[in-house]
Every structure is written in C-alpha cells, then in structure tokens.
Amino acid sequence: MSTVSAIASSGLRAAQLRMETSAHNTANLNTPGFQRQTVSSEAVAGQGGVAAGIGRAAQAGVSVESEAVEQIAATYAFEASLQVLRTSDRMQGALLDERA
C-alpha cells in the first residue's frame, strides 16, 4: 500500500471512530451520570497519518447539538479521506497506463 493510501486509510478509521463514538454518546443521552466519550487524534510521526483514541469527558452529560455537529464533521472527514483514496487510485492507474 502506498504512503498516500496508508494516510488516507488512517483518516477513514479515525473518522469512523468519531462517528461511532458520537452515536454511542447520543444513544446514552438519557443515562444518568453518563460521561460522554471523546476521540483524540494525533499525527503519527515518520509514517504519516493519524492515530485516534477514545477518552472520557471530565463532566457528565451529553449535548445533542454538539453530537450532531460531530457527526457532520466526521462525515466530511470520511468523505475527504475517501476522495484522497480515489484520487490516488486514479493517479496510479494513469501512471501504469503511461508506462505500459
């Protein structure tokens, strides 16, 4: 797998984790004392891409509005990473066509 594909794949996984975490928070909206989960992302040095992990918010409670915004942002991040994969695939195909 090329470096670009690996970076885009890690972006897809991070966006999917954000979406799953937000859905989990929304599902537990009315659970007493529930502390929402958060997703933190950081760049992976050397190889590129991101590493995402789940944590807990300091205070209990979930905001439906915040979770809706998080789901929209995760959707856009997923689509952006998917577009990078598609573009990389097209570029590699064009390179192979040129060399053949």
PDB file of N, CA and C in Angstrom:
ATOM      1  N   MET A   1       0.863  -1.180   0.000  1.00  0.00           N
ATOM      2  CA  MET A   1       0.000   0.000   0.000  1.00  0.00           C
ATOM      3  C   MET A   1       0.900   1.231   0.000  1.00  0.00           C
ATOM      4  N   SER A   2       0.547   2.202  -0.829  1.00  0.00           N
ATOM      5  CA  SER A   2       1.352   3.416  -0.904  1.00  0.00           C
ATOM      6  C   SER A   2       1.182   4.250   0.353  1.00  0.00           C
ATOM      7  N   THR A   3       2.097   5.178   0.540  1.00  0.00           N
ATOM      8  CA  THR A   3       2.042   6.057   1.701  1.00  0.00           C
ATOM      9  C   THR A   3       0.760   6.881   1.707  1.00  0.00           C
ATOM     10  N   VAL A   4       0.371   7.375   0.544  1.00  0.00           N
ATOM     11  CA  VAL A   4      -0.853   8.180   0.453  1.00  0.00           C
ATOM     12  C   VAL A   4      -2.055   7.332   0.863  1.00  0.00           C
ATOM     13  N   SER A   5      -2.109   6.109   0.390  1.00  0.00           N
ATOM     14  CA  SER A   5      -3.218   5.217   0.741  1.00  0.00           C
ATOM     15  C   SER A   5      -3.229   4.904   2.235  1.00  0.00           C
ATOM     16  N   ALA A   6      -2.070   4.709   2.816  1.00  0.00           N
ATOM     17  CA  ALA A   6      -1.991   4.426   4.256  1.00  0.00           C
ATOM     18  C   ALA A   6      -2.463   5.621   5.081  1.00  0.00           C
ATOM     19  N   ILE A   7      -2.083   6.806   4.656  1.00  0.00           N
ATOM     20  CA  ILE A   7      -2.505   8.018   5.362  1.00  0.00           C
ATOM     21  C   ILE A   7      -4.018   8.190   5.243  1.00  0.00           C
ATOM     22  N   ALA A   8      -4.551   8.029   4.032  1.00  0.00           N
ATOM     23  CA  ALA A   8      -5.996   8.166   3.832  1.00  0.00           C
ATOM     24  C   ALA A   8      -6.759   7.093   4.599  1.00  0.00           C
ATOM     25  N   SER A   9      -6.243   5.881   4.644  1.00  0.00           N
ATOM     26  CA  SER A   9      -6.898   4.795   5.392  1.00  0.00           C
ATOM     27  C   SER A   9      -6.945   5.098   6.881  1.00  0.00           C
ATOM     28  N   SER A  10      -5.884   5.670   7.404  1.00  0.00           N
ATOM     29  CA  SER A  10      -5.896   6.021   8.826  1.00  0.00           C
ATOM     30  C   SER A  10      -6.912   7.136   9.076  1.00  0.00           C
ATOM     31  N   GLY A  11      -7.075   8.042   8.116  1.00  0.00           N
ATOM     32  CA  GLY A  11      -8.099   9.078   8.223  1.00  0.00           C
ATOM     33  C   GLY A  11      -9.503   8.493   8.202  1.00  0.00           C
ATOM     34  N   LEU A  12      -9.721   7.482   7.362  1.00  0.00           N
ATOM     35  CA  LEU A  12     -11.017   6.794   7.325  1.00  0.00           C
ATOM     36  C   LEU A  12     -11.329   6.147   8.673  1.00  0.00           C
ATOM     37  N   ARG A  13     -10.328   5.463   9.242  1.00  0.00           N
ATOM     38  CA  ARG A  13     -10.536   4.801  10.544  1.00  0.00           C
ATOM     39  C   ARG A  13     -10.814   5.821  11.639  1.00  0.00           C
ATOM     40  N   ALA A  14     -10.108   6.946  11.633  1.00  0.00           N
ATOM     41  CA  ALA A  14     -10.327   7.977  12.650  1.00  0.00           C
ATOM     42  C   ALA A  14     -11.724   8.589  12.520  1.00  0.00           C
ATOM     43  N   ALA A  15     -12.158   8.857  11.292  1.00  0.00           N
ATOM     44  CA  ALA A  15     -13.496   9.421  11.077  1.00  0.00           C
ATOM     45  C   ALA A  15     -14.574   8.425  11.494  1.00  0.00           C
ATOM     46  N   GLN A  16     -14.359   7.144  11.197  1.00  0.00           N
ATOM     47  CA  GLN A  16     -15.328   6.121  11.596  1.00  0.00           C
ATOM     48  C   GLN A  16     -15.413   6.030  13.118  1.00  0.00           C
ATOM     49  N   LEU A  17     -14.280   6.120  13.793  1.00  0.00           N
ATOM     50  CA  LEU A  17     -14.268   6.089  15.258  1.00  0.00           C
ATOM     51  C   LEU A  17     -15.008   7.289  15.829  1.00  0.00           C
ATOM     52  N   ARG A  18     -14.817   8.452  15.222  1.00  0.00           N
ATOM     53  CA  ARG A  18     -15.547   9.653  15.665  1.00  0.00           C
ATOM     54  C   ARG A  18     -17.054   9.464  15.522  1.00  0.00           C
ATOM     55  N   MET A  19     -17.476   8.888  14.401  1.00  0.00           N
ATOM     56  CA  MET A  19     -18.903   8.670  14.163  1.00  0.00           C
ATOM     57  C   MET A  19     -19.471   7.656  15.160  1.00  0.00           C
ATOM     58  N   GLU A  20     -18.762   6.558  15.381  1.00  0.00           N
ATOM     59  CA  GLU A  20     -19.222   5.533  16.325  1.00  0.00           C
ATOM     60  C   GLU A  20     -19.303   6.080  17.743  1.00  0.00           C
ATOM     61  N   THR A  21     -18.330   6.873  18.122  1.00  0.00           N
ATOM     62  CA  THR A  21     -18.307   7.445  19.467  1.00  0.00           C
ATOM     63  C   THR A  21     -19.449   8.430  19.658  1.00  0.00           C
ATOM     64  N   SER A  22     -19.699   9.249  18.658  1.00  0.00           N
ATOM     65  CA  SER A  22     -20.795  10.204  18.738  1.00  0.00           C
ATOM     66  C   SER A  22     -22.138   9.484  18.803  1.00  0.00           C
ATOM     67  N   ALA A  23     -22.289   8.412  18.044  1.00  0.00           N
ATOM     68  CA  ALA A  23     -23.530   7.625  18.086  1.00  0.00           C
ATOM     69  C   ALA A  23     -23.715   6.996  19.465  1.00  0.00           C
ATOM     70  N   HIS A  24     -22.637   6.520  20.055  1.00  0.00           N
ATOM     71  CA  HIS A  24     -22.681   5.947  21.407  1.00  0.00           C
ATOM     72  C   HIS A  24     -23.118   7.013  22.423  1.00  0.00           C
ATOM     73  N   ASN A  25     -22.560   8.210  22.283  1.00  0.00           N
ATOM     74  CA  ASN A  25     -22.933   9.303  23.190  1.00  0.00           C
ATOM     75  C   ASN A  25     -24.411   9.660  23.048  1.00  0.00           C
ATOM     76  N   THR A  26     -24.879   9.727  21.809  1.00  0.00           N
ATOM     77  CA  THR A  26     -26.276  10.059  21.568  1.00  0.00           C
ATOM     78  C   THR A  26     -27.206   8.981  22.122  1.00  0.00           C
ATOM     79  N   ALA A  27     -26.817   7.734  21.972  1.00  0.00           N
ATOM     80  CA  ALA A  27     -27.640   6.632  22.478  1.00  0.00           C
ATOM     81  C   ALA A  27     -27.751   6.654  23.998  1.00  0.00           C
ATOM     82  N   ASN A  28     -26.737   7.197  24.656  1.00  0.00           N
ATOM     83  CA  ASN A  28     -26.739   7.247  26.118  1.00  0.00           C
ATOM     84  C   ASN A  28     -27.112   8.611  26.672  1.00  0.00           C
ATOM     85  N   LEU A  29     -27.759   9.400  25.864  1.00  0.00           N
ATOM     86  CA  LEU A  29     -28.149  10.761  26.228  1.00  0.00           C
ATOM     87  C   LEU A  29     -28.902  10.823  27.559  1.00  0.00           C
ATOM     88  N   ASN A  30     -29.826   9.911  27.771  1.00  0.00           N
ATOM     89  CA  ASN A  30     -30.662   9.944  28.970  1.00  0.00           C
ATOM     90  C   ASN A  30     -30.173   9.008  30.081  1.00  0.00           C
ATOM     91  N   THR A  31     -28.975   8.474  29.964  1.00  0.00           N
ATOM     92  CA  THR A  31     -28.416   7.618  31.003  1.00  0.00           C
ATOM     93  C   THR A  31     -27.883   8.509  32.122  1.00  0.00           C
ATOM     94  N   PRO A  32     -28.414   8.354  33.347  1.00  0.00           N
ATOM     95  CA  PRO A  32     -27.962   9.195  34.455  1.00  0.00           C
ATOM     96  C   PRO A  32     -26.461   9.023  34.727  1.00  0.00           C
ATOM     97  N   GLY A  33     -25.768  10.142  34.860  1.00  0.00           N
ATOM     98  CA  GLY A  33     -24.342  10.126  35.194  1.00  0.00           C
ATOM     99  C   GLY A  33     -23.421   9.721  34.058  1.00  0.00           C
ATOM    100  N   PHE A  34     -23.958   9.588  32.851  1.00  0.00           N
ATOM    101  CA  PHE A  34     -23.133   9.162  31.719  1.00  0.00           C
ATOM    102  C   PHE A  34     -22.118  10.238  31.371  1.00  0.00           C
ATOM    103  N   GLN A  35     -20.862   9.841  31.247  1.00  0.00           N
ATOM    104  CA  GLN A  35     -19.801  10.748  30.805  1.00  0.00           C
ATOM    105  C   GLN A  35     -19.547  10.454  29.336  1.00  0.00           C
ATOM    106  N   ARG A  36     -19.720  11.462  28.510  1.00  0.00           N
ATOM    107  CA  ARG A  36     -19.560  11.260  27.071  1.00  0.00           C
ATOM    108  C   ARG A  36     -18.143  10.839  26.731  1.00  0.00           C
ATOM    109  N   GLN A  37     -18.033  10.056  25.693  1.00  0.00           N
ATOM    110  CA  GLN A  37     -16.726   9.660  25.191  1.00  0.00           C
ATOM    111  C   GLN A  37     -16.228  10.724  24.225  1.00  0.00           C
ATOM    112  N   THR A  38     -14.932  10.867  24.176  1.00  0.00           N
ATOM    113  CA  THR A  38     -14.313  11.805  23.248  1.00  0.00           C
ATOM    114  C   THR A  38     -13.277  11.060  22.415  1.00  0.00           C
ATOM    115  N   VAL A  39     -12.983  11.578  21.249  1.00  0.00           N
ATOM    116  CA  VAL A  39     -11.960  10.992  20.387  1.00  0.00           C
ATOM    117  C   VAL A  39     -10.836  12.006  20.240  1.00  0.00           C
ATOM    118  N   SER A  40      -9.631  11.556  20.508  1.00  0.00           N
ATOM    119  CA  SER A  40      -8.468  12.416  20.303  1.00  0.00           C
ATOM    120  C   SER A  40      -7.646  11.831  19.160  1.00  0.00           C
ATOM    121  N   SER A  41      -7.114  12.707  18.339  1.00  0.00           N
ATOM    122  CA  SER A  41      -6.303  12.296  17.196  1.00  0.00           C
ATOM    123  C   SER A  41      -4.959  12.985  17.268  1.00  0.00           C
ATOM    124  N   GLU A  42      -3.946  12.268  16.836  1.00  0.00           N
ATOM    125  CA  GLU A  42      -2.621  12.879  16.748  1.00  0.00           C
ATOM    126  C   GLU A  42      -1.886  12.305  15.554  1.00  0.00           C
ATOM    127  N   ALA A  43      -1.020  13.110  14.999  1.00  0.00           N
ATOM    128  CA  ALA A  43      -0.243  12.683  13.836  1.00  0.00           C
ATOM    129  C   ALA A  43       0.730  11.585  14.230  1.00  0.00           C
ATOM    130  N   VAL A  44       0.899  10.634  13.337  1.00  0.00           N
ATOM    131  CA  VAL A  44       1.866   9.557  13.549  1.00  0.00           C
ATOM    132  C   VAL A  44       3.173   9.999  12.912  1.00  0.00           C
ATOM    133  N   ALA A  45       4.179  10.172  13.722  1.00  0.00           N
ATOM    134  CA  ALA A  45       5.471  10.649  13.227  1.00  0.00           C
ATOM    135  C   ALA A  45       6.125   9.589  12.349  1.00  0.00           C
ATOM    136  N   GLY A  46       6.785  10.052  11.311  1.00  0.00           N
ATOM    137  CA  GLY A  46       7.541   9.148  10.461  1.00  0.00           C
ATOM    138  C   GLY A  46       6.748   8.563   9.317  1.00  0.00           C
ATOM    139  N   GLN A  47       5.652   7.920   9.592  1.00  0.00           N
ATOM    140  CA  GLN A  47       4.905   7.245   8.533  1.00  0.00           C
ATOM    141  C   GLN A  47       3.688   8.028   8.053  1.00  0.00           C
ATOM    142  N   GLY A  48       3.316   9.067   8.743  1.00  0.00           N
ATOM    143  CA  GLY A  48       2.167   9.864   8.345  1.00  0.00           C
ATOM    144  C   GLY A  48       0.869   9.268   8.838  1.00  0.00           C
ATOM    145  N   GLY A  49      -0.198   9.968   8.594  1.00  0.00           N
ATOM    146  CA  GLY A  49      -1.500   9.507   9.038  1.00  0.00           C
ATOM    147  C   GLY A  49      -1.807   9.980  10.445  1.00  0.00           C
ATOM    148  N   VAL A  50      -2.881   9.431  10.999  1.00  0.00           N
ATOM    149  CA  VAL A  50      -3.306   9.796  12.343  1.00  0.00           C
ATOM    150  C   VAL A  50      -3.568   8.553  13.174  1.00  0.00           C
ATOM    151  N   ALA A  51      -3.393   8.717  14.457  1.00  0.00           N
ATOM    152  CA  ALA A  51      -3.773   7.689  15.424  1.00  0.00           C
ATOM    153  C   ALA A  51      -4.878   8.286  16.277  1.00  0.00           C
ATOM    154  N   ALA A  52      -5.983   7.582  16.398  1.00  0.00           N
ATOM    155  CA  ALA A  52      -7.131   8.083  17.155  1.00  0.00           C
ATOM    156  C   ALA A  52      -7.387   7.163  18.342  1.00  0.00           C
ATOM    157  N   GLY A  53      -7.793   7.771  19.441  1.00  0.00           N
ATOM    158  CA  GLY A  53      -8.106   7.017  20.648  1.00  0.00           C
ATOM    159  C   GLY A  53      -9.314   7.597  21.350  1.00  0.00           C
ATOM    160  N   ILE A  54      -9.943   6.775  22.178  1.00  0.00           N
ATOM    161  CA  ILE A  54     -11.149   7.189  22.894  1.00  0.00           C
ATOM    162  C   ILE A  54     -10.795   7.531  24.330  1.00  0.00           C
ATOM    163  N   GLY A  55     -11.384   8.621  24.813  1.00  0.00           N
ATOM    164  CA  GLY A  55     -11.233   9.041  26.203  1.00  0.00           C
ATOM    165  C   GLY A  55     -12.598   9.377  26.781  1.00  0.00           C
ATOM    166  N   ARG A  56     -12.600   9.915  27.968  1.00  0.00           N
ATOM    167  CA  ARG A  56     -13.849  10.315  28.632  1.00  0.00           C
ATOM    168  C   ARG A  56     -13.808  11.807  28.925  1.00  0.00           C
ATOM    169  N   ALA A  57     -14.976  12.447  28.814  1.00  0.00           N
ATOM    170  CA  ALA A  57     -15.104  13.860  29.164  1.00  0.00           C
ATOM    171  C   ALA A  57     -15.017  14.001  30.681  1.00  0.00           C
ATOM    172  N   ALA A  58     -14.610  15.150  31.129  1.00  0.00           N
ATOM    173  CA  ALA A  58     -14.449  15.387  32.567  1.00  0.00           C
ATOM    174  C   ALA A  58     -15.783  15.449  33.297  1.00  0.00           C
ATOM    175  N   GLN A  59     -16.811  15.962  32.635  1.00  0.00           N
ATOM    176  CA  GLN A  59     -18.105  16.132  33.284  1.00  0.00           C
ATOM    177  C   GLN A  59     -19.154  15.228  32.640  1.00  0.00           C
ATOM    178  N   ALA A  60     -20.154  14.886  33.419  1.00  0.00           N
ATOM    179  CA  ALA A  60     -21.254  14.074  32.910  1.00  0.00           C
ATOM    180  C   ALA A  60     -22.164  14.909  32.022  1.00  0.00           C
ATOM    181  N   GLY A  61     -22.856  14.254  31.095  1.00  0.00           N
ATOM    182  CA  GLY A  61     -23.825  14.933  30.247  1.00  0.00           C
ATOM    183  C   GLY A  61     -23.440  14.895  28.792  1.00  0.00           C
ATOM    184  N   VAL A  62     -24.468  14.947  27.958  1.00  0.00           N
ATOM    185  CA  VAL A  62     -24.283  14.918  26.510  1.00  0.00           C
ATOM    186  C   VAL A  62     -25.118  16.031  25.896  1.00  0.00           C
ATOM    187  N   SER A  63     -24.562  16.755  24.953  1.00  0.00           N
ATOM    188  CA  SER A  63     -25.271  17.799  24.219  1.00  0.00           C
ATOM    189  C   SER A  63     -25.639  17.255  22.843  1.00  0.00           C
ATOM    190  N   VAL A  64     -26.923  17.184  22.555  1.00  0.00           N
ATOM    191  CA  VAL A  64     -27.386  16.671  21.266  1.00  0.00           C
ATOM    192  C   VAL A  64     -26.834  17.519  20.127  1.00  0.00           C
ATOM    193  N   GLU A  65     -26.791  18.822  20.319  1.00  0.00           N
ATOM    194  CA  GLU A  65     -26.294  19.715  19.280  1.00  0.00           C
ATOM    195  C   GLU A  65     -24.824  19.437  18.965  1.00  0.00           C
ATOM    196  N   SER A  66     -24.026  19.280  20.014  1.00  0.00           N
ATOM    197  CA  SER A  66     -22.594  19.002  19.825  1.00  0.00           C
ATOM    198  C   SER A  66     -22.381  17.673  19.111  1.00  0.00           C
ATOM    199  N   GLU A  67     -23.183  16.694  19.460  1.00  0.00           N
ATOM    200  CA  GLU A  67     -23.046  15.379  18.825  1.00  0.00           C
ATOM    201  C   GLU A  67     -23.468  15.435  17.363  1.00  0.00           C
ATOM    202  N   ALA A  68     -24.494  16.233  17.043  1.00  0.00           N
ATOM    203  CA  ALA A  68     -24.904  16.384  15.643  1.00  0.00           C
ATOM    204  C   ALA A  68     -23.789  17.031  14.826  1.00  0.00           C
ATOM    205  N   VAL A  69     -23.169  18.056  15.388  1.00  0.00           N
ATOM    206  CA  VAL A  69     -22.050  18.717  14.700  1.00  0.00           C
ATOM    207  C   VAL A  69     -20.888  17.737  14.548  1.00  0.00           C
ATOM    208  N   GLU A  70     -20.608  16.952  15.555  1.00  0.00           N
ATOM    209  CA  GLU A  70     -19.524  15.960  15.500  1.00  0.00           C
ATOM    210  C   GLU A  70     -19.788  14.938  14.406  1.00  0.00           C
ATOM    211  N   GLN A  71     -21.031  14.493  14.267  1.00  0.00           N
ATOM    212  CA  GLN A  71     -21.365  13.517  13.230  1.00  0.00           C
ATOM    213  C   GLN A  71     -21.221  14.113  11.834  1.00  0.00           C
ATOM    214  N   ILE A  72     -21.606  15.364  11.679  1.00  0.00           N
ATOM    215  CA  ILE A  72     -21.446  16.025  10.380  1.00  0.00           C
ATOM    216  C   ILE A  72     -19.964  16.181  10.050  1.00  0.00           C
ATOM    217  N   ALA A  73     -19.174  16.614  11.026  1.00  0.00           N
ATOM    218  CA  ALA A  73     -17.733  16.788  10.808  1.00  0.00           C
ATOM    219  C   ALA A  73     -17.061  15.454  10.487  1.00  0.00           C
ATOM    220  N   ALA A  74     -17.461  14.396  11.176  1.00  0.00           N
ATOM    221  CA  ALA A  74     -16.889  13.068  10.920  1.00  0.00           C
ATOM    222  C   ALA A  74     -17.247  12.590   9.517  1.00  0.00           C
ATOM    223  N   THR A  75     -18.462  12.905   9.072  1.00  0.00           N
ATOM    224  CA  THR A  75     -18.888  12.533   7.720  1.00  0.00           C
ATOM    225  C   THR A  75     -18.031  13.233   6.675  1.00  0.00           C
ATOM    226  N   TYR A  76     -17.794  14.526   6.863  1.00  0.00           N
ATOM    227  CA  TYR A  76     -16.944  15.265   5.925  1.00  0.00           C
ATOM    228  C   TYR A  76     -15.502  14.754   5.950  1.00  0.00           C
ATOM    229  N   ALA A  77     -14.979  14.437   7.114  1.00  0.00           N
ATOM    230  CA  ALA A  77     -13.615  13.905   7.213  1.00  0.00           C
ATOM    231  C   ALA A  77     -13.514  12.560   6.499  1.00  0.00           C
ATOM    232  N   PHE A  78     -14.537  11.723   6.666  1.00  0.00           N
ATOM    233  CA  PHE A  78     -14.561  10.425   5.999  1.00  0.00           C
ATOM    234  C   PHE A  78     -14.581  10.614   4.482  1.00  0.00           C
ATOM    235  N   GLU A  79     -15.444  11.498   4.005  1.00  0.00           N
ATOM    236  CA  GLU A  79     -15.548  11.752   2.566  1.00  0.00           C
ATOM    237  C   GLU A  79     -14.246  12.307   1.997  1.00  0.00           C
ATOM    238  N   ALA A  80     -13.571  13.167   2.755  1.00  0.00           N
ATOM    239  CA  ALA A  80     -12.303  13.736   2.290  1.00  0.00           C
ATOM    240  C   ALA A  80     -11.241  12.650   2.164  1.00  0.00           C
ATOM    241  N   SER A  81     -11.157  11.777   3.152  1.00  0.00           N
ATOM    242  CA  SER A  81     -10.181  10.680   3.087  1.00  0.00           C
ATOM    243  C   SER A  81     -10.508   9.723   1.954  1.00  0.00           C
ATOM    244  N   LEU A  82     -11.775   9.462   1.737  1.00  0.00           N
ATOM    245  CA  LEU A  82     -12.199   8.600   0.636  1.00  0.00           C
ATOM    246  C   LEU A  82     -11.836   9.217  -0.715  1.00  0.00           C
ATOM    247  N   GLN A  83     -11.984  10.520  -0.826  1.00  0.00           N
ATOM    248  CA  GLN A  83     -11.615  11.202  -2.069  1.00  0.00           C
ATOM    249  C   GLN A  83     -10.111  11.106  -2.318  1.00  0.00           C
ATOM    250  N   VAL A  84      -9.317  11.179  -1.266  1.00  0.00           N
ATOM    251  CA  VAL A  84      -7.862  11.019  -1.413  1.00  0.00           C
ATOM    252  C   VAL A  84      -7.541   9.621  -1.945  1.00  0.00           C
ATOM    253  N   LEU A  85      -8.219   8.595  -1.404  1.00  0.00           N
ATOM    254  CA  LEU A  85      -8.001   7.234  -1.891  1.00  0.00           C
ATOM    255  C   LEU A  85      -8.386   7.098  -3.364  1.00  0.00           C
ATOM    256  N   ARG A  86      -9.511   7.664  -3.741  1.00  0.00           N
ATOM    257  CA  ARG A  86      -9.954   7.590  -5.135  1.00  0.00           C
ATOM    258  C   ARG A  86      -8.966   8.298  -6.067  1.00  0.00           C
ATOM    259  N   THR A  87      -8.505   9.465  -5.668  1.00  0.00           N
ATOM    260  CA  THR A  87      -7.558  10.213  -6.490  1.00  0.00           C
ATOM    261  C   THR A  87      -6.242   9.471  -6.611  1.00  0.00           C
ATOM    262  N   SER A  88      -5.771   8.907  -5.521  1.00  0.00           N
ATOM    263  CA  SER A  88      -4.534   8.125  -5.539  1.00  0.00           C
ATOM    264  C   SER A  88      -4.667   6.932  -6.476  1.00  0.00           C
ATOM    265  N   ASP A  89      -5.803   6.273  -6.428  1.00  0.00           N
ATOM    266  CA  ASP A  89      -6.055   5.120  -7.290  1.00  0.00           C
ATOM    267  C   ASP A  89      -6.039   5.532  -8.765  1.00  0.00           C
ATOM    268  N   ARG A  90      -6.700   6.650  -9.068  1.00  0.00           N
ATOM    269  CA  ARG A  90      -6.709   7.135 -10.452  1.00  0.00           C
ATOM    270  C   ARG A  90      -5.305   7.510 -10.922  1.00  0.00           C
ATOM    271  N   MET A  91      -4.536   8.154 -10.042  1.00  0.00           N
ATOM    272  CA  MET A  91      -3.180   8.559 -10.410  1.00  0.00           C
ATOM    273  C   MET A  91      -2.292   7.348 -10.662  1.00  0.00           C
ATOM    274  N   GLN A  92      -2.411   6.328  -9.814  1.00  0.00           N
ATOM    275  CA  GLN A  92      -1.610   5.115 -10.010  1.00  0.00           C
ATOM    276  C   GLN A  92      -2.016   4.406 -11.293  1.00  0.00           C
ATOM    277  N   GLY A  93      -3.318   4.385 -11.590  1.00  0.00           N
ATOM    278  CA  GLY A  93      -3.787   3.783 -12.835  1.00  0.00           C
ATOM    279  C   GLY A  93      -3.261   4.526 -14.054  1.00  0.00           C
ATOM    280  N   ALA A  94      -3.259   5.846 -13.981  1.00  0.00           N
ATOM    281  CA  ALA A  94      -2.755   6.643 -15.093  1.00  0.00           C
ATOM    282  C   ALA A  94      -1.259   6.424 -15.279  1.00  0.00           C
ATOM    283  N   LEU A  95      -0.541   6.277 -14.187  1.00  0.00           N
ATOM    284  CA  LEU A  95       0.904   6.025 -14.274  1.00  0.00           C
ATOM    285  C   LEU A  95       1.158   4.675 -14.919  1.00  0.00           C
ATOM    286  N   LEU A  96       0.387   3.672 -14.529  1.00  0.00           N
ATOM    287  CA  LEU A  96       0.543   2.343 -15.130  1.00  0.00           C
ATOM    288  C   LEU A  96       0.196   2.376 -16.624  1.00  0.00           C
ATOM    289  N   ASP A  97      -0.844   3.114 -16.996  1.00  0.00           N
ATOM    290  CA  ASP A  97      -1.232   3.226 -18.407  1.00  0.00           C
ATOM    291  C   ASP A  97      -0.115   3.904 -19.199  1.00  0.00           C
ATOM    292  N   GLU A  98       0.523   4.901 -18.603  1.00  0.00           N
ATOM    293  CA  GLU A  98       1.592   5.629 -19.270  1.00  0.00           C
ATOM    294  C   GLU A  98       2.824   4.753 -19.492  1.00  0.00           C
ATOM    295  N   ARG A  99       3.108   3.921 -18.500  1.00  0.00           N
ATOM    296  CA  ARG A  99       4.290   3.054 -18.583  1.00  0.00           C
ATOM    297  C   ARG A  99       4.083   1.875 -19.499  1.00  0.00           C
ATOM    298  N   ALA A 100       2.854   1.458 -19.696  1.00  0.00           N
ATOM    299  CA  ALA A 100       2.572   0.255 -20.490  1.00  0.00           C
ATOM    300  C   ALA A 100       2.674   0.466 -21.978  1.00  0.00           C
TER     301      ALA A 100
END
